[in-house]
């Protein structure tokens, strides 16, 4: 009887388990059917209310007169209310560029150095969707999202064929989902379109007290 009471006491008083999950996706970057690089997207569920997204790519394109090299990385952290911090970095033949977005005192402070402009500004709208989240969650029609590098908002448009189109400035991307999973991204380019194609994915879970 005492053993039974002990077991019941232990069962009902055991600490709550926390589950930390990491979802990883790898995409081949192709131009005219030729692989020119890879993109890795990671969703790290740190806790119930905290999620980190990371998207990193490395592209090398051999053109007629030179080799174009672009390394891109964006890190975004969300809590239960929305975006807390994001940093987007681009390192290419043309230089090093970045944009940081930081939530502070009820608003966002943005600092950006891009190829053709450099600025600081303040955003008062809450950010609940970003470009990096599109790799893991299928949006709804007219879903408002924030492009971390450009520091601009726009809405996702759902097409008749079920795909989604996102446009920031002159950059038009088409997102193709299958059963809620992003399998392809088509980046419209005046010279040649660039395609991102899902090649692998995996999930890791760490369970602790």
N, C-alpha and C. Protein backbone atom coordinates (compact mmCIF):
# COMPACT_ATOMS: atom_id res chain seq x y z
N UNK A 1 0.83 -1.20 0.00
CA UNK A 1 0.00 0.00 0.00
C UNK A 1 0.87 1.26 0.00
N UNK A 2 1.91 1.23 0.86
CA UNK A 2 2.80 2.38 0.91
C UNK A 2 3.52 2.58 -0.42
N UNK A 3 3.87 1.46 -1.08
CA UNK A 3 4.53 1.55 -2.38
C UNK A 3 3.61 2.18 -3.41
N UNK A 4 2.32 1.79 -3.38
CA UNK A 4 1.35 2.35 -4.31
C UNK A 4 1.20 3.86 -4.10
N UNK A 5 1.12 4.27 -2.84
CA UNK A 5 1.00 5.70 -2.53
C UNK A 5 2.22 6.46 -3.03
N UNK A 6 3.40 5.86 -2.86
CA UNK A 6 4.63 6.50 -3.31
C UNK A 6 4.64 6.67 -4.82
N UNK A 7 4.21 5.62 -5.53
CA UNK A 7 4.18 5.68 -6.99
C UNK A 7 3.22 6.76 -7.47
N UNK A 8 2.03 6.81 -6.85
CA UNK A 8 1.05 7.82 -7.24
C UNK A 8 1.56 9.23 -6.94
N UNK A 9 2.22 9.38 -5.81
CA UNK A 9 2.76 10.69 -5.44
C UNK A 9 3.82 11.13 -6.45
N UNK A 10 4.69 10.19 -6.81
CA UNK A 10 5.75 10.50 -7.77
C UNK A 10 5.18 10.87 -9.12
N UNK A 11 4.16 10.14 -9.55
CA UNK A 11 3.55 10.37 -10.87
C UNK A 11 2.92 11.75 -10.95
N UNK A 12 2.18 12.13 -9.94
CA UNK A 12 1.45 13.40 -9.98
C UNK A 12 2.33 14.60 -9.66
N UNK A 13 3.51 14.36 -9.11
CA UNK A 13 4.38 15.48 -8.75
C UNK A 13 5.63 15.55 -9.62
N UNK A 14 5.66 14.77 -10.69
CA UNK A 14 6.81 14.80 -11.58
C UNK A 14 6.86 16.15 -12.29
N UNK A 15 8.02 16.75 -12.47
CA UNK A 15 8.12 18.05 -13.13
C UNK A 15 7.61 17.97 -14.56
N UNK A 16 7.12 19.08 -15.04
CA UNK A 16 6.61 19.14 -16.41
C UNK A 16 7.78 19.06 -17.38
N UNK A 17 7.67 18.22 -18.38
CA UNK A 17 8.72 18.09 -19.37
C UNK A 17 8.63 19.22 -20.38
N UNK A 18 9.76 19.71 -20.81
CA UNK A 18 9.80 20.70 -21.89
C UNK A 18 10.38 20.02 -23.12
N UNK A 19 9.78 20.28 -24.26
CA UNK A 19 10.25 19.66 -25.49
C UNK A 19 10.78 20.73 -26.43
N UNK A 20 12.03 20.59 -26.78
CA UNK A 20 12.70 21.51 -27.69
C UNK A 20 12.85 20.81 -29.03
N UNK A 21 12.36 21.40 -30.09
CA UNK A 21 12.42 20.76 -31.40
C UNK A 21 13.18 21.63 -32.39
N UNK A 22 13.84 20.97 -33.31
CA UNK A 22 14.57 21.64 -34.38
C UNK A 22 14.15 21.01 -35.70
N UNK A 23 13.60 21.82 -36.59
CA UNK A 23 13.18 21.36 -37.91
C UNK A 23 14.14 21.95 -38.94
N UNK A 24 14.71 21.08 -39.77
CA UNK A 24 15.71 21.53 -40.74
C UNK A 24 15.31 21.13 -42.16
N UNK A 25 15.49 22.06 -43.09
CA UNK A 25 15.19 21.80 -44.49
C UNK A 25 16.35 22.26 -45.36
N UNK A 26 16.63 21.47 -46.39
CA UNK A 26 17.71 21.83 -47.32
C UNK A 26 17.13 21.95 -48.72
N UNK A 27 17.49 23.03 -49.40
CA UNK A 27 17.00 23.29 -50.76
C UNK A 27 18.18 23.43 -51.72
N UNK A 28 18.05 22.83 -52.89
CA UNK A 28 19.03 23.04 -53.95
C UNK A 28 18.66 24.33 -54.67
N UNK A 29 19.65 25.15 -54.96
CA UNK A 29 19.43 26.39 -55.70
C UNK A 29 19.89 26.14 -57.13
N UNK A 30 18.97 26.31 -58.08
CA UNK A 30 19.25 25.97 -59.47
C UNK A 30 18.97 27.14 -60.40
N UNK A 31 19.78 27.25 -61.43
CA UNK A 31 19.59 28.23 -62.48
C UNK A 31 19.69 27.51 -63.82
N UNK A 32 18.62 27.56 -64.60
CA UNK A 32 18.55 26.86 -65.88
C UNK A 32 18.83 25.37 -65.70
N UNK A 33 18.36 24.80 -64.58
CA UNK A 33 18.53 23.37 -64.33
C UNK A 33 19.88 22.98 -63.77
N UNK A 34 20.76 23.96 -63.58
CA UNK A 34 22.10 23.68 -63.06
C UNK A 34 22.19 24.13 -61.60
N UNK A 35 22.68 23.26 -60.74
CA UNK A 35 22.80 23.60 -59.33
C UNK A 35 23.91 24.62 -59.12
N UNK A 36 23.57 25.74 -58.48
CA UNK A 36 24.55 26.81 -58.24
C UNK A 36 24.76 27.07 -56.75
N UNK A 37 24.07 26.32 -55.91
CA UNK A 37 24.24 26.51 -54.48
C UNK A 37 23.20 25.77 -53.67
N UNK A 38 23.20 26.01 -52.37
CA UNK A 38 22.24 25.38 -51.46
C UNK A 38 21.72 26.40 -50.46
N UNK A 39 20.50 26.15 -49.99
CA UNK A 39 19.92 26.95 -48.92
C UNK A 39 19.48 26.03 -47.80
N UNK A 40 19.81 26.39 -46.57
CA UNK A 40 19.40 25.64 -45.39
C UNK A 40 18.49 26.51 -44.54
N UNK A 41 17.33 25.98 -44.21
CA UNK A 41 16.36 26.69 -43.38
C UNK A 41 16.13 25.89 -42.10
N UNK A 42 16.15 26.58 -40.96
CA UNK A 42 16.01 25.92 -39.66
C UNK A 42 14.97 26.63 -38.81
N UNK A 43 14.09 25.85 -38.21
CA UNK A 43 13.12 26.37 -37.25
C UNK A 43 13.42 25.72 -35.90
N UNK A 44 13.78 26.54 -34.93
CA UNK A 44 14.17 26.04 -33.61
C UNK A 44 13.12 26.47 -32.59
N UNK A 45 12.30 25.51 -32.17
CA UNK A 45 11.27 25.77 -31.15
C UNK A 45 11.95 25.67 -29.79
N UNK A 46 12.40 26.80 -29.28
CA UNK A 46 13.16 26.83 -28.03
C UNK A 46 12.28 26.49 -26.84
N UNK A 47 11.08 27.04 -26.82
CA UNK A 47 10.10 26.79 -25.77
C UNK A 47 8.71 26.98 -26.36
N UNK A 48 7.69 26.92 -25.52
CA UNK A 48 6.33 27.07 -26.01
C UNK A 48 6.13 28.40 -26.72
N UNK A 49 6.77 29.45 -26.22
CA UNK A 49 6.53 30.79 -26.74
C UNK A 49 7.67 31.38 -27.55
N UNK A 50 8.80 30.69 -27.62
CA UNK A 50 9.98 31.24 -28.30
C UNK A 50 10.38 30.36 -29.48
N UNK A 51 10.49 30.99 -30.66
CA UNK A 51 10.87 30.28 -31.88
C UNK A 51 11.96 31.08 -32.59
N UNK A 52 13.00 30.39 -33.02
CA UNK A 52 14.06 31.01 -33.81
C UNK A 52 14.04 30.44 -35.22
N UNK A 53 14.17 31.32 -36.21
CA UNK A 53 14.27 30.90 -37.61
C UNK A 53 15.64 31.31 -38.14
N UNK A 54 16.22 30.43 -38.94
CA UNK A 54 17.50 30.75 -39.58
C UNK A 54 17.46 30.26 -41.03
N UNK A 55 17.80 31.14 -41.94
CA UNK A 55 17.87 30.78 -43.36
C UNK A 55 19.25 31.20 -43.86
N UNK A 56 19.96 30.25 -44.45
CA UNK A 56 21.34 30.52 -44.88
C UNK A 56 21.56 29.92 -46.26
N UNK A 57 22.15 30.72 -47.16
CA UNK A 57 22.41 30.22 -48.51
C UNK A 57 23.79 30.64 -48.99
N UNK A 58 24.30 29.84 -49.90
CA UNK A 58 25.61 30.10 -50.50
C UNK A 58 25.49 29.81 -51.99
N UNK A 59 25.66 30.86 -52.80
CA UNK A 59 25.47 30.73 -54.25
C UNK A 59 26.73 31.14 -54.99
N UNK A 60 27.07 30.36 -56.01
CA UNK A 60 28.22 30.67 -56.86
C UNK A 60 27.80 30.44 -58.31
N UNK A 61 27.77 31.52 -59.09
CA UNK A 61 27.33 31.44 -60.48
C UNK A 61 28.46 31.89 -61.39
N UNK A 62 28.86 31.03 -62.31
CA UNK A 62 29.89 31.38 -63.27
C UNK A 62 29.26 32.04 -64.49
N UNK A 63 29.49 33.34 -64.63
CA UNK A 63 28.99 34.09 -65.77
C UNK A 63 30.09 34.22 -66.82
N UNK A 64 29.80 34.93 -67.89
CA UNK A 64 30.76 35.02 -68.99
C UNK A 64 32.04 35.72 -68.59
N UNK A 65 31.93 36.80 -67.83
CA UNK A 65 33.11 37.61 -67.54
C UNK A 65 33.57 37.53 -66.08
N UNK A 66 32.73 37.02 -65.19
CA UNK A 66 33.14 36.90 -63.79
C UNK A 66 32.27 35.87 -63.07
N UNK A 67 32.69 35.53 -61.86
CA UNK A 67 31.94 34.59 -61.03
C UNK A 67 31.20 35.36 -59.94
N UNK A 68 29.89 35.21 -59.91
CA UNK A 68 29.07 35.88 -58.91
C UNK A 68 28.97 35.00 -57.67
N UNK A 69 29.34 35.56 -56.53
CA UNK A 69 29.27 34.84 -55.26
C UNK A 69 28.38 35.62 -54.30
N UNK A 70 27.41 34.94 -53.72
CA UNK A 70 26.50 35.58 -52.77
C UNK A 70 26.28 34.65 -51.58
N UNK A 71 26.56 35.15 -50.40
CA UNK A 71 26.24 34.43 -49.17
C UNK A 71 25.18 35.24 -48.42
N UNK A 72 24.09 34.56 -48.07
CA UNK A 72 22.96 35.24 -47.42
C UNK A 72 22.61 34.50 -46.15
N UNK A 73 22.32 35.26 -45.10
CA UNK A 73 21.92 34.63 -43.83
C UNK A 73 20.95 35.55 -43.10
N UNK A 74 19.87 34.98 -42.61
CA UNK A 74 18.92 35.74 -41.80
C UNK A 74 18.57 34.94 -40.55
N UNK A 75 18.58 35.62 -39.42
CA UNK A 75 18.20 35.02 -38.14
C UNK A 75 17.06 35.85 -37.56
N UNK A 76 15.97 35.19 -37.20
CA UNK A 76 14.81 35.88 -36.64
C UNK A 76 14.33 35.16 -35.39
N UNK A 77 14.03 35.93 -34.36
CA UNK A 77 13.52 35.36 -33.11
C UNK A 77 12.13 35.91 -32.82
N UNK A 78 11.20 34.99 -32.52
CA UNK A 78 9.83 35.35 -32.19
C UNK A 78 9.51 34.93 -30.76
N UNK A 79 8.66 35.72 -30.09
CA UNK A 79 8.03 35.26 -28.87
C UNK A 79 6.53 35.18 -29.13
N UNK A 80 5.72 35.03 -28.10
CA UNK A 80 4.29 34.82 -28.30
C UNK A 80 3.59 36.03 -28.92
N UNK A 81 4.22 37.20 -28.86
CA UNK A 81 3.60 38.41 -29.40
C UNK A 81 4.04 38.73 -30.83
N UNK A 82 5.19 38.21 -31.24
CA UNK A 82 5.67 38.50 -32.58
C UNK A 82 7.18 38.56 -32.64
N UNK A 83 7.70 39.22 -33.67
CA UNK A 83 9.14 39.31 -33.87
C UNK A 83 9.80 40.12 -32.76
N UNK A 84 10.90 39.58 -32.23
CA UNK A 84 11.67 40.26 -31.20
C UNK A 84 12.93 40.87 -31.80
N UNK A 85 13.58 40.10 -32.69
CA UNK A 85 14.83 40.56 -33.29
C UNK A 85 15.08 39.80 -34.59
N UNK A 86 15.64 40.50 -35.57
CA UNK A 86 16.08 39.82 -36.79
C UNK A 86 17.32 40.51 -37.32
N UNK A 87 18.16 39.71 -37.94
CA UNK A 87 19.37 40.23 -38.58
C UNK A 87 19.53 39.51 -39.91
N UNK A 88 19.62 40.29 -40.99
CA UNK A 88 19.84 39.73 -42.32
C UNK A 88 21.17 40.24 -42.84
N UNK A 89 22.00 39.32 -43.35
CA UNK A 89 23.33 39.69 -43.83
C UNK A 89 23.55 39.16 -45.24
N UNK A 90 24.15 39.99 -46.08
CA UNK A 90 24.49 39.60 -47.45
C UNK A 90 25.95 39.92 -47.68
N UNK A 91 26.69 38.92 -48.13
CA UNK A 91 28.10 39.11 -48.46
C UNK A 91 28.31 38.65 -49.90
N UNK A 92 28.67 39.59 -50.78
CA UNK A 92 28.80 39.26 -52.20
C UNK A 92 29.98 40.00 -52.81
N UNK A 93 30.15 39.82 -54.13
CA UNK A 93 31.20 40.53 -54.85
C UNK A 93 31.06 42.04 -54.70
N UNK A 94 29.84 42.48 -54.47
CA UNK A 94 29.57 43.92 -54.40
C UNK A 94 29.75 44.50 -53.00
N UNK A 95 30.01 43.66 -52.01
CA UNK A 95 30.26 44.16 -50.66
C UNK A 95 29.46 43.44 -49.60
N UNK A 96 29.53 44.00 -48.39
CA UNK A 96 28.82 43.43 -47.24
C UNK A 96 27.67 44.35 -46.87
N UNK A 97 26.47 43.77 -46.75
CA UNK A 97 25.27 44.55 -46.45
C UNK A 97 24.48 43.85 -45.34
N UNK A 98 23.64 44.62 -44.66
CA UNK A 98 22.92 44.04 -43.52
C UNK A 98 21.69 44.87 -43.19
N UNK A 99 20.77 44.25 -42.44
CA UNK A 99 19.62 44.93 -41.85
C UNK A 99 19.32 44.29 -40.51
N UNK A 100 19.18 45.10 -39.48
CA UNK A 100 18.76 44.60 -38.17
C UNK A 100 17.44 45.24 -37.79
N UNK A 101 16.57 44.44 -37.19
CA UNK A 101 15.27 44.92 -36.72
C UNK A 101 15.11 44.49 -35.27
N UNK A 102 14.99 45.44 -34.37
CA UNK A 102 14.98 45.16 -32.93
C UNK A 102 13.73 45.75 -32.28
N UNK A 103 12.99 44.91 -31.55
CA UNK A 103 11.81 45.41 -30.84
C UNK A 103 12.26 46.03 -29.52
N UNK A 104 11.87 47.29 -29.31
CA UNK A 104 12.31 48.01 -28.13
C UNK A 104 11.28 49.07 -27.74
N UNK A 105 10.83 49.02 -26.51
CA UNK A 105 9.90 50.03 -25.98
C UNK A 105 8.64 50.19 -26.84
N UNK A 106 8.08 49.06 -27.28
CA UNK A 106 6.81 49.10 -28.00
C UNK A 106 6.90 49.40 -29.48
N UNK A 107 8.10 49.44 -30.04
CA UNK A 107 8.26 49.67 -31.48
C UNK A 107 9.52 48.96 -31.97
N UNK A 108 9.71 48.97 -33.28
CA UNK A 108 10.89 48.35 -33.88
C UNK A 108 11.88 49.42 -34.33
N UNK A 109 13.14 49.19 -34.05
CA UNK A 109 14.20 50.05 -34.54
C UNK A 109 14.96 49.31 -35.63
N UNK A 110 15.04 49.93 -36.80
CA UNK A 110 15.64 49.30 -37.97
C UNK A 110 16.90 50.05 -38.38
N UNK A 111 17.96 49.30 -38.61
CA UNK A 111 19.20 49.85 -39.16
C UNK A 111 19.56 49.01 -40.38
N UNK A 112 19.82 49.67 -41.51
CA UNK A 112 20.05 48.92 -42.74
C UNK A 112 21.11 49.58 -43.61
N UNK A 113 21.99 48.75 -44.13
CA UNK A 113 22.96 49.16 -45.14
C UNK A 113 22.80 48.21 -46.31
N UNK A 114 22.18 48.70 -47.39
CA UNK A 114 21.96 47.91 -48.58
C UNK A 114 22.84 48.42 -49.72
N UNK A 115 22.80 47.72 -50.83
CA UNK A 115 23.70 48.08 -51.93
C UNK A 115 23.49 49.51 -52.42
N UNK A 116 22.24 49.94 -52.49
CA UNK A 116 21.95 51.26 -53.06
C UNK A 116 21.45 52.28 -52.05
N UNK A 117 21.32 51.88 -50.78
CA UNK A 117 20.84 52.84 -49.78
C UNK A 117 21.23 52.40 -48.38
N UNK A 118 21.25 53.37 -47.50
CA UNK A 118 21.55 53.13 -46.10
C UNK A 118 20.60 53.99 -45.27
N UNK A 119 19.96 53.39 -44.26
CA UNK A 119 18.95 54.15 -43.52
C UNK A 119 18.70 53.57 -42.13
N UNK A 120 18.04 54.37 -41.32
CA UNK A 120 17.49 53.96 -40.03
C UNK A 120 16.05 54.42 -39.99
N UNK A 121 15.17 53.59 -39.40
CA UNK A 121 13.77 53.98 -39.30
C UNK A 121 13.11 53.26 -38.14
N UNK A 122 11.89 53.68 -37.82
CA UNK A 122 11.12 53.08 -36.74
C UNK A 122 9.83 52.51 -37.30
N UNK A 123 9.45 51.32 -36.84
CA UNK A 123 8.21 50.67 -37.26
C UNK A 123 7.32 50.50 -36.04
N UNK A 124 6.05 50.85 -36.19
CA UNK A 124 5.11 50.76 -35.06
C UNK A 124 4.16 49.58 -35.17
N UNK A 125 4.09 48.94 -36.34
CA UNK A 125 3.21 47.78 -36.52
C UNK A 125 3.89 46.52 -36.00
N UNK A 126 3.14 45.67 -35.31
CA UNK A 126 3.69 44.40 -34.85
C UNK A 126 3.98 43.50 -36.04
N UNK A 127 5.09 42.79 -35.96
CA UNK A 127 5.50 41.87 -37.02
C UNK A 127 5.24 40.44 -36.55
N UNK A 128 4.32 39.75 -37.21
CA UNK A 128 4.00 38.37 -36.83
C UNK A 128 4.43 37.36 -37.89
N UNK A 129 4.69 37.83 -39.10
CA UNK A 129 5.16 36.97 -40.20
C UNK A 129 6.39 37.61 -40.83
N UNK A 130 7.35 36.78 -41.20
CA UNK A 130 8.52 37.25 -41.93
C UNK A 130 8.80 36.31 -43.09
N UNK A 131 9.72 36.71 -43.95
CA UNK A 131 10.08 35.88 -45.11
C UNK A 131 10.58 34.51 -44.69
N UNK A 132 11.36 34.45 -43.61
CA UNK A 132 11.94 33.17 -43.18
C UNK A 132 10.87 32.20 -42.70
N UNK A 133 9.77 32.71 -42.18
CA UNK A 133 8.70 31.83 -41.70
C UNK A 133 7.99 31.12 -42.85
N UNK A 134 8.05 31.69 -44.04
CA UNK A 134 7.39 31.09 -45.20
C UNK A 134 7.96 29.72 -45.55
N UNK A 135 9.17 29.42 -45.08
CA UNK A 135 9.78 28.12 -45.36
C UNK A 135 9.15 27.01 -44.51
N UNK A 136 8.41 27.38 -43.47
CA UNK A 136 7.87 26.37 -42.56
C UNK A 136 6.35 26.42 -42.40
N UNK A 137 5.74 27.53 -42.73
CA UNK A 137 4.30 27.67 -42.55
C UNK A 137 3.65 28.19 -43.82
N UNK A 138 2.63 27.49 -44.29
CA UNK A 138 1.90 27.96 -45.47
C UNK A 138 1.03 29.15 -45.08
N UNK A 139 1.15 30.27 -45.78
CA UNK A 139 0.38 31.46 -45.41
C UNK A 139 -1.05 31.40 -45.92
N UNK A 140 -1.83 32.37 -45.52
CA UNK A 140 -3.18 32.53 -46.06
C UNK A 140 -3.15 33.66 -47.08
N UNK A 141 -4.21 33.79 -47.85
CA UNK A 141 -4.29 34.86 -48.84
C UNK A 141 -4.25 36.21 -48.13
N UNK A 142 -3.46 37.12 -48.67
CA UNK A 142 -3.29 38.47 -48.12
C UNK A 142 -2.59 38.49 -46.76
N UNK A 143 -1.89 37.41 -46.43
CA UNK A 143 -1.11 37.40 -45.20
C UNK A 143 -0.03 38.49 -45.28
N UNK A 144 -0.01 39.37 -44.31
CA UNK A 144 0.99 40.44 -44.28
C UNK A 144 2.31 39.86 -43.75
N UNK A 145 3.41 40.15 -44.45
CA UNK A 145 4.70 39.64 -44.01
C UNK A 145 5.75 40.75 -44.10
N UNK A 146 6.84 40.52 -43.40
CA UNK A 146 7.93 41.48 -43.32
C UNK A 146 9.18 40.85 -43.92
N UNK A 147 9.80 41.55 -44.86
CA UNK A 147 11.04 41.08 -45.48
C UNK A 147 12.21 41.60 -44.64
N UNK A 148 12.91 40.70 -43.96
CA UNK A 148 13.92 41.10 -42.99
C UNK A 148 15.05 41.94 -43.59
N UNK A 149 15.49 41.60 -44.79
CA UNK A 149 16.61 42.35 -45.38
C UNK A 149 16.16 43.71 -45.90
N UNK A 150 15.03 43.75 -46.60
CA UNK A 150 14.57 45.01 -47.19
C UNK A 150 13.87 45.91 -46.17
N UNK A 151 13.47 45.36 -45.04
CA UNK A 151 12.75 46.12 -44.00
C UNK A 151 11.47 46.73 -44.56
N UNK A 152 10.75 45.92 -45.34
CA UNK A 152 9.51 46.37 -45.97
C UNK A 152 8.41 45.34 -45.72
N UNK A 153 7.16 45.82 -45.72
CA UNK A 153 5.99 44.97 -45.60
C UNK A 153 5.33 44.78 -46.96
N UNK A 154 4.67 43.64 -47.12
CA UNK A 154 3.76 43.43 -48.24
C UNK A 154 2.85 42.27 -47.89
N UNK A 155 1.89 41.99 -48.77
CA UNK A 155 0.95 40.91 -48.54
C UNK A 155 1.21 39.75 -49.50
N UNK A 156 1.04 38.54 -49.00
CA UNK A 156 1.15 37.35 -49.84
C UNK A 156 -0.13 37.21 -50.65
N UNK A 157 0.01 36.96 -51.94
CA UNK A 157 -1.15 36.77 -52.81
C UNK A 157 -1.28 35.30 -53.18
N UNK A 158 -2.46 34.73 -52.96
CA UNK A 158 -2.68 33.34 -53.34
C UNK A 158 -3.20 33.29 -54.76
N UNK A 159 -2.55 32.50 -55.61
CA UNK A 159 -2.92 32.38 -57.01
C UNK A 159 -3.98 31.30 -57.21
N UNK A 160 -4.60 31.30 -58.39
CA UNK A 160 -5.66 30.35 -58.68
C UNK A 160 -5.16 28.91 -58.66
N UNK A 161 -3.88 28.72 -58.97
CA UNK A 161 -3.33 27.36 -58.99
C UNK A 161 -2.88 26.89 -57.60
N UNK A 162 -3.13 27.70 -56.56
CA UNK A 162 -2.78 27.31 -55.20
C UNK A 162 -1.41 27.75 -54.75
N UNK A 163 -0.62 28.32 -55.67
CA UNK A 163 0.70 28.84 -55.30
C UNK A 163 0.54 30.23 -54.69
N UNK A 164 1.62 30.75 -54.14
CA UNK A 164 1.60 32.08 -53.51
C UNK A 164 2.67 32.96 -54.14
N UNK A 165 2.35 34.24 -54.29
CA UNK A 165 3.30 35.20 -54.84
C UNK A 165 3.60 36.27 -53.80
N UNK A 166 4.90 36.53 -53.62
CA UNK A 166 5.35 37.59 -52.72
C UNK A 166 6.21 38.56 -53.52
N UNK A 167 5.94 39.83 -53.38
CA UNK A 167 6.72 40.83 -54.11
C UNK A 167 7.24 41.90 -53.15
N UNK A 168 8.54 42.14 -53.21
CA UNK A 168 9.19 43.22 -52.47
C UNK A 168 10.02 44.00 -53.48
N UNK A 169 9.66 45.27 -53.67
CA UNK A 169 10.27 46.11 -54.70
C UNK A 169 10.14 45.38 -56.04
N UNK A 170 11.24 45.14 -56.73
CA UNK A 170 11.16 44.47 -58.04
C UNK A 170 11.40 42.96 -57.93
N UNK A 171 11.45 42.45 -56.72
CA UNK A 171 11.70 41.02 -56.52
C UNK A 171 10.38 40.28 -56.37
N UNK A 172 10.13 39.35 -57.28
CA UNK A 172 8.89 38.57 -57.28
C UNK A 172 9.23 37.10 -57.06
N UNK A 173 8.70 36.53 -55.99
CA UNK A 173 8.95 35.12 -55.67
C UNK A 173 7.63 34.36 -55.66
N UNK A 174 7.67 33.16 -56.24
CA UNK A 174 6.50 32.28 -56.20
C UNK A 174 6.81 31.10 -55.28
N UNK A 175 5.91 30.85 -54.33
CA UNK A 175 6.08 29.76 -53.36
C UNK A 175 5.10 28.64 -53.68
N UNK A 176 5.62 27.43 -53.77
CA UNK A 176 4.81 26.26 -54.10
C UNK A 176 4.77 25.32 -52.89
N UNK A 177 3.57 25.10 -52.36
CA UNK A 177 3.39 24.22 -51.20
C UNK A 177 2.66 22.94 -51.61
N UNK A 178 2.99 21.87 -50.92
CA UNK A 178 2.33 20.58 -51.14
C UNK A 178 1.98 20.01 -49.78
N UNK A 179 0.69 19.90 -49.50
CA UNK A 179 0.22 19.44 -48.18
C UNK A 179 0.82 20.28 -47.06
N UNK A 180 0.88 21.59 -47.28
CA UNK A 180 1.39 22.51 -46.27
C UNK A 180 2.90 22.62 -46.20
N UNK A 181 3.61 21.86 -47.04
CA UNK A 181 5.07 21.84 -47.03
C UNK A 181 5.62 22.62 -48.23
N UNK A 182 6.56 23.52 -47.99
CA UNK A 182 7.17 24.29 -49.08
C UNK A 182 8.13 23.39 -49.85
N UNK A 183 7.82 23.13 -51.11
CA UNK A 183 8.66 22.25 -51.92
C UNK A 183 9.46 22.99 -52.99
N UNK A 184 9.04 24.21 -53.32
CA UNK A 184 9.74 24.94 -54.37
C UNK A 184 9.52 26.45 -54.24
N UNK A 185 10.56 27.21 -54.55
CA UNK A 185 10.45 28.67 -54.64
C UNK A 185 11.03 29.08 -55.98
N UNK A 186 10.29 29.88 -56.72
CA UNK A 186 10.75 30.39 -58.02
C UNK A 186 10.98 31.88 -57.88
N UNK A 187 12.23 32.29 -58.02
CA UNK A 187 12.59 33.70 -57.92
C UNK A 187 12.71 34.28 -59.33
N UNK A 188 11.82 35.19 -59.66
CA UNK A 188 11.80 35.79 -60.99
C UNK A 188 13.03 36.68 -61.16
N UNK A 189 13.70 36.51 -62.30
CA UNK A 189 14.90 37.27 -62.59
C UNK A 189 14.88 37.71 -64.05
N UNK A 190 15.27 38.96 -64.35
CA UNK A 190 15.25 39.43 -65.74
C UNK A 190 16.10 38.59 -66.68
N UNK A 191 17.17 38.00 -66.14
CA UNK A 191 18.06 37.19 -66.99
C UNK A 191 17.59 35.74 -67.00
N UNK A 192 17.62 35.09 -65.86
CA UNK A 192 17.15 33.71 -65.72
C UNK A 192 16.52 33.54 -64.34
N UNK A 193 15.42 32.78 -64.30
CA UNK A 193 14.79 32.51 -63.01
C UNK A 193 15.68 31.60 -62.16
N UNK A 194 15.61 31.80 -60.86
CA UNK A 194 16.33 30.95 -59.92
C UNK A 194 15.31 30.12 -59.16
N UNK A 195 15.55 28.82 -59.04
CA UNK A 195 14.62 27.93 -58.35
C UNK A 195 15.27 27.31 -57.12
N UNK A 196 14.49 27.26 -56.06
CA UNK A 196 14.88 26.54 -54.85
C UNK A 196 14.02 25.30 -54.78
N UNK A 197 14.65 24.14 -54.69
CA UNK A 197 13.92 22.87 -54.70
C UNK A 197 14.27 22.07 -53.44
N UNK A 198 13.24 21.66 -52.70
CA UNK A 198 13.45 20.90 -51.47
C UNK A 198 14.11 19.56 -51.78
N UNK A 199 15.23 19.28 -51.10
CA UNK A 199 15.92 18.00 -51.34
C UNK A 199 15.99 17.13 -50.08
N UNK A 200 15.85 17.73 -48.90
CA UNK A 200 15.86 16.92 -47.68
C UNK A 200 15.27 17.71 -46.52
N UNK A 201 14.80 16.98 -45.52
CA UNK A 201 14.28 17.60 -44.31
C UNK A 201 14.38 16.61 -43.16
N UNK A 202 14.52 17.13 -41.95
CA UNK A 202 14.54 16.25 -40.78
C UNK A 202 14.12 17.04 -39.54
N UNK A 203 13.69 16.29 -38.54
CA UNK A 203 13.21 16.88 -37.29
C UNK A 203 13.96 16.25 -36.13
N UNK A 204 14.41 17.08 -35.20
CA UNK A 204 15.06 16.59 -33.99
C UNK A 204 14.29 17.11 -32.78
N UNK A 205 14.18 16.28 -31.77
CA UNK A 205 13.48 16.68 -30.55
C UNK A 205 14.35 16.37 -29.35
N UNK A 206 14.53 17.37 -28.51
CA UNK A 206 15.26 17.19 -27.26
C UNK A 206 14.29 17.36 -26.10
N UNK A 207 14.12 16.33 -25.32
CA UNK A 207 13.18 16.36 -24.20
C UNK A 207 13.96 16.43 -22.90
N UNK A 208 13.62 17.39 -22.08
CA UNK A 208 14.32 17.54 -20.80
C UNK A 208 13.38 17.97 -19.71
N UNK A 209 13.86 17.90 -18.47
CA UNK A 209 13.05 18.31 -17.32
C UNK A 209 13.03 19.81 -17.21
